[in-house]
Amino acid sequence: MLAGDAQRLLDDPAFNEAYNAVREGLMTELENYQHDGQPSTDDYEREICRALRSLKSLRRALVMSVQGHKLRLADFSAKAPDKENA
């Protein structure tokens, strides 16, 4: 994903609203889930946790894409040859 696309997505209120709604829904599901000690309920809880980690990884990847692009631009401009010394 291009850094510009990532920044637009992070700035998009609809994306942020949907992201937060999904995250809050998963958190509510996890908090309200009745654990009965069965392996199937352990698996279900693990799947909810995986979904939460995936959401976090998505946001982190978007942020890192934008930050990495900014750092590359800063490094490029810092390494640009000085016109007076060329």
Protein backbone atom coordinates (compact mmCIF):
# COMPACT_ATOMS: atom_id res chain seq x y z
CA MET A 1 0.00 0.00 0.00
CA LEU A 2 1.30 3.42 -0.83
CA ALA A 3 1.96 5.77 2.05
CA GLY A 4 -0.43 8.36 0.61
CA ASP A 5 -3.22 5.81 0.48
CA ALA A 6 -2.45 4.73 4.03
CA GLN A 7 -2.58 8.34 5.24
CA ARG A 8 -5.90 8.95 3.50
CA LEU A 9 -7.31 5.82 5.10
CA LEU A 10 -6.08 6.83 8.56
CA ASP A 11 -7.60 10.28 8.08
CA ASP A 12 -10.93 8.91 6.82
CA PRO A 13 -13.60 9.31 9.53
CA ALA A 14 -15.64 6.43 8.08
CA PHE A 15 -12.65 4.08 8.35
CA ASN A 16 -11.92 5.15 11.91
CA GLU A 17 -15.56 4.82 12.93
CA ALA A 18 -15.81 1.35 11.40
CA TYR A 19 -12.47 0.28 12.88
CA ASN A 20 -13.52 1.40 16.36
CA ALA A 21 -16.95 -0.19 16.03
CA VAL A 22 -15.46 -3.56 15.07
CA ARG A 23 -12.88 -3.33 17.85
CA GLU A 24 -15.46 -2.38 20.46
CA GLY A 25 -17.77 -5.15 19.26
CA LEU A 26 -15.03 -7.74 19.62
CA MET A 27 -14.06 -6.42 23.04
CA THR A 28 -17.69 -6.54 24.18
CA GLU A 29 -18.06 -10.07 22.85
CA LEU A 30 -14.94 -11.15 24.70
CA GLU A 31 -16.00 -9.45 27.95
CA ASN A 32 -19.51 -10.90 27.90
CA TYR A 33 -18.62 -14.39 26.72
CA GLN A 34 -19.42 -17.11 29.23
CA HIS A 35 -16.44 -19.41 29.46
CA ASP A 36 -17.51 -22.93 30.39
CA GLY A 37 -14.16 -24.69 30.23
CA GLN A 38 -14.90 -26.51 26.98
CA PRO A 39 -12.21 -26.66 24.29
CA SER A 40 -14.63 -25.09 21.81
CA THR A 41 -15.06 -22.00 24.01
CA ASP A 42 -11.27 -21.73 24.37
CA ASP A 43 -11.02 -21.82 20.58
CA TYR A 44 -13.72 -19.16 20.25
CA GLU A 45 -11.94 -16.85 22.69
CA ARG A 46 -8.67 -17.39 20.85
CA GLU A 47 -10.34 -16.44 17.56
CA ILE A 48 -11.66 -13.21 19.07
CA CYS A 49 -8.18 -12.40 20.37
CA ARG A 50 -6.69 -13.15 16.94
CA ALA A 51 -9.18 -10.81 15.34
CA LEU A 52 -8.24 -8.07 17.81
CA ARG A 53 -4.53 -8.61 17.12
CA SER A 54 -5.21 -8.49 13.39
CA LEU A 55 -6.99 -5.17 13.74
CA LYS A 56 -4.09 -3.80 15.75
CA SER A 57 -1.62 -5.09 13.17
CA LEU A 58 -3.59 -3.44 10.39
CA ARG A 59 -3.51 -0.05 12.07
CA ARG A 60 0.17 -0.46 12.96
CA ALA A 61 1.02 -1.34 9.35
CA LEU A 62 -0.81 1.73 8.09
CA VAL A 63 0.92 4.02 10.58
CA MET A 64 4.33 2.48 9.90
CA SER A 65 3.83 2.89 6.16
CA VAL A 66 3.20 6.59 6.59
CA GLN A 67 6.03 7.08 9.09
CA GLY A 68 8.46 5.07 6.97
CA HIS A 69 7.66 7.18 3.95
CA LYS A 70 8.25 10.38 5.92
CA LEU A 71 11.57 9.06 7.20
CA ARG A 72 12.68 8.06 3.71
CA LEU A 73 11.83 11.54 2.47
CA ALA A 74 13.73 13.14 5.35
CA ASP A 75 16.75 10.88 4.79
CA PHE A 76 16.70 11.62 1.08
CA SER A 77 16.64 15.36 1.64
CA ALA A 78 19.40 15.11 4.25
CA LYS A 79 21.61 13.17 1.82
CA ALA A 80 20.90 15.41 -1.16
CA PRO A 81 24.13 16.97 -2.42
CA ASP A 82 24.67 20.55 -1.46
CA LYS A 83 24.62 22.72 -4.59
CA GLU A 84 27.35 25.03 -3.27
CA ASN A 85 29.79 22.16 -2.62
CA ALA A 86 29.06 20.28 -5.86
